[in-house]
Amino acid sequence: MAGSYTYSPENIKENSRDKMRFELGDTMTEGGAETCALSDEEYDAILSRYPDPADWKRAKLALIESILHRFSYEVDTTVGPLSLSLSQRLDFWRRMKNDLKAELAASGFAAVSGAALAGGHVFSMGMNDNPRVYPPGGGLLRVP
């Protein structure tokens, strides 16, 4: 099934597929799959998973990750005088993803999954220790 590729700049005032295409720079829809990163159906599928306007950036992150997966296999190619540096496009999307992750982490999204965004760990040694039984500094308390 072929996807559809549309873009209407007048619709970027509201949270919609067109606004997301605008924010991601995926607006050259005339060439269809040859010029667009994702189809309308792919945008709609992700946006339907995040219907709350507060989750707009999370939807944007999911779309960027999808684009990265799609373009990750492309390599730089040189044939005679023609040179295609497709890795530059991948680097652009990767920078956009990292910037958005940092923005989400700074805005409180980190409270939900900050460790995953920051690359850290959720667990730490002693996090479940009962301070009545295991006092700071070690050892066991004696219960009379």
Protein backbone atom coordinates (compact mmCIF):
# COMPACT_ATOMS: atom_id res chain seq x y z
CA MET A 1 0.00 0.00 0.00
CA ALA A 2 1.43 3.34 -1.03
CA GLY A 3 1.51 6.10 1.53
CA SER A 4 0.20 9.60 1.01
CA TYR A 5 2.34 12.70 1.33
CA THR A 6 0.62 16.05 1.93
CA TYR A 7 1.57 19.35 3.54
CA SER A 8 -0.50 22.50 4.03
CA PRO A 9 1.43 25.40 5.62
CA GLU A 10 -1.80 27.08 6.74
CA ASN A 11 -2.37 24.20 9.20
CA ILE A 12 0.81 24.73 11.26
CA LYS A 13 -1.05 26.96 13.72
CA GLU A 14 -2.51 23.90 15.46
CA ASN A 15 -0.96 20.65 16.62
CA SER A 16 -1.33 18.55 13.50
CA ARG A 17 0.61 16.44 11.03
CA ASP A 18 1.42 19.60 9.06
CA LYS A 19 2.89 21.34 12.11
CA MET A 20 5.02 18.29 12.86
CA ARG A 21 6.21 18.12 9.24
CA PHE A 22 7.12 21.81 9.52
CA GLU A 23 9.03 21.36 12.80
CA LEU A 24 10.96 18.38 11.42
CA GLY A 25 11.64 20.03 8.06
CA ASP A 26 9.88 17.24 6.19
CA THR A 27 7.80 19.50 3.93
CA MET A 28 8.91 18.58 0.40
CA THR A 29 5.92 16.34 -0.27
CA GLU A 30 5.83 16.75 -4.06
CA GLY A 31 8.26 13.85 -4.53
CA GLY A 32 6.42 11.50 -2.20
CA ALA A 33 8.60 8.77 -0.71
CA GLU A 34 11.63 10.05 -2.63
CA THR A 35 11.68 13.41 -0.81
CA CYS A 36 9.83 12.79 2.47
CA ALA A 37 11.15 11.09 5.55
CA LEU A 38 7.76 9.69 6.60
CA SER A 39 4.30 9.28 5.08
CA ASP A 40 1.12 10.92 6.36
CA GLU A 41 0.00 7.58 7.77
CA GLU A 42 3.22 7.20 9.79
CA TYR A 43 2.83 10.71 11.20
CA ASP A 44 -0.81 10.06 12.06
CA ALA A 45 0.00 6.73 13.75
CA ILE A 46 2.55 8.32 16.08
CA LEU A 47 0.48 11.44 16.75
CA SER A 48 -2.50 9.25 17.69
CA ARG A 49 -0.35 7.58 20.36
CA TYR A 50 0.23 11.02 21.96
CA PRO A 51 -3.14 12.84 21.76
CA ASP A 52 -2.42 15.13 24.73
CA PRO A 53 -0.93 18.48 23.59
CA ALA A 54 1.50 18.22 26.53
CA ASP A 55 3.02 15.15 24.86
CA TRP A 56 3.83 16.95 21.58
CA LYS A 57 7.59 16.75 22.16
CA ARG A 58 7.38 13.07 23.06
CA ALA A 59 5.61 12.42 19.76
CA LYS A 60 8.27 14.46 17.99
CA LEU A 61 10.99 12.37 19.63
CA ALA A 62 9.28 9.14 18.55
CA LEU A 63 9.07 10.41 14.96
CA ILE A 64 12.72 11.46 14.93
CA GLU A 65 13.75 8.03 16.22
CA SER A 66 11.69 6.43 13.46
CA ILE A 67 13.42 8.62 10.87
CA LEU A 68 16.82 7.67 12.31
CA HIS A 69 15.99 3.99 11.99
CA ARG A 70 14.91 4.50 8.39
CA PHE A 71 18.06 6.39 7.32
CA SER A 72 20.64 4.56 9.44
CA TYR A 73 21.48 2.07 6.69
CA GLU A 74 22.36 4.72 4.08
CA VAL A 75 26.05 5.20 3.37
CA ASP A 76 28.16 7.83 1.64
CA THR A 77 28.68 7.03 -2.02
CA THR A 78 31.01 8.31 -4.73
CA VAL A 79 30.55 7.40 -8.38
CA GLY A 80 32.88 9.28 -10.68
CA PRO A 81 32.39 13.01 -10.11
CA LEU A 82 29.13 12.46 -8.17
CA SER A 83 29.41 12.26 -4.39
CA LEU A 84 26.50 11.70 -2.02
CA SER A 85 27.11 12.31 1.68
CA LEU A 86 24.03 10.65 3.10
CA SER A 87 25.61 10.39 6.56
CA GLN A 88 25.26 14.19 6.90
CA ARG A 89 21.49 13.77 6.83
CA LEU A 90 21.73 11.10 9.52
CA ASP A 91 23.94 13.38 11.64
CA PHE A 92 21.35 16.16 11.33
CA TRP A 93 18.55 13.91 12.61
CA ARG A 94 20.79 12.55 15.39
CA ARG A 95 21.62 16.08 16.58
CA MET A 96 17.92 16.98 16.51
CA LYS A 97 17.13 13.89 18.59
CA ASN A 98 19.84 14.63 21.15
CA ASP A 99 18.77 18.28 21.46
CA LEU A 100 15.15 17.26 21.97
CA LYS A 101 16.10 14.63 24.56
CA ALA A 102 18.09 17.26 26.48
CA GLU A 103 15.16 19.68 26.28
CA LEU A 104 12.74 17.03 27.54
CA ALA A 105 15.08 16.08 30.36
CA ALA A 106 15.37 19.72 31.44
CA SER A 107 11.60 20.27 31.32
CA GLY A 108 10.58 17.58 33.78
CA PHE A 109 10.19 14.67 31.40
CA ALA A 110 13.30 13.51 33.24
CA ALA A 111 11.12 12.77 36.27
CA VAL A 112 9.35 10.09 34.25
CA SER A 113 12.29 8.60 32.40
CA GLY A 114 15.24 10.86 33.13
CA ALA A 115 17.68 8.06 33.75
CA ALA A 116 16.92 6.57 30.36
CA LEU A 117 17.27 9.95 28.66
CA ALA A 118 20.46 10.86 30.49
CA GLY A 119 21.94 7.41 29.95
CA GLY A 120 22.20 6.81 33.71
CA HIS A 121 20.81 4.14 35.98
CA VAL A 122 17.55 4.14 37.86
CA PHE A 123 18.82 1.97 40.69
CA SER A 124 21.50 2.65 43.28
CA MET A 125 23.10 0.67 46.08
CA GLY A 126 21.08 0.77 49.27
CA MET A 127 18.05 2.47 47.76
CA ASN A 128 15.71 0.01 49.48
CA ASP A 129 17.54 -0.20 52.77
CA ASN A 130 15.42 0.55 55.82
CA PRO A 131 17.17 3.33 57.81
CA ARG A 132 15.74 1.89 61.05
CA VAL A 133 17.60 -1.36 60.45
CA TYR A 134 20.55 -0.19 58.33
CA PRO A 135 21.73 3.19 59.67
CA PRO A 136 23.92 5.46 57.53
CA GLY A 137 27.52 4.42 57.95
CA GLY A 138 26.75 0.70 57.99
CA GLY A 139 26.20 -1.88 60.66
CA LEU A 140 23.01 -3.26 62.11
CA LEU A 141 20.91 -1.68 64.83
CA ARG A 142 20.19 -3.92 67.76
CA VAL A 143 16.55 -4.13 68.61
CA PRO A 144 16.06 -4.55 72.37
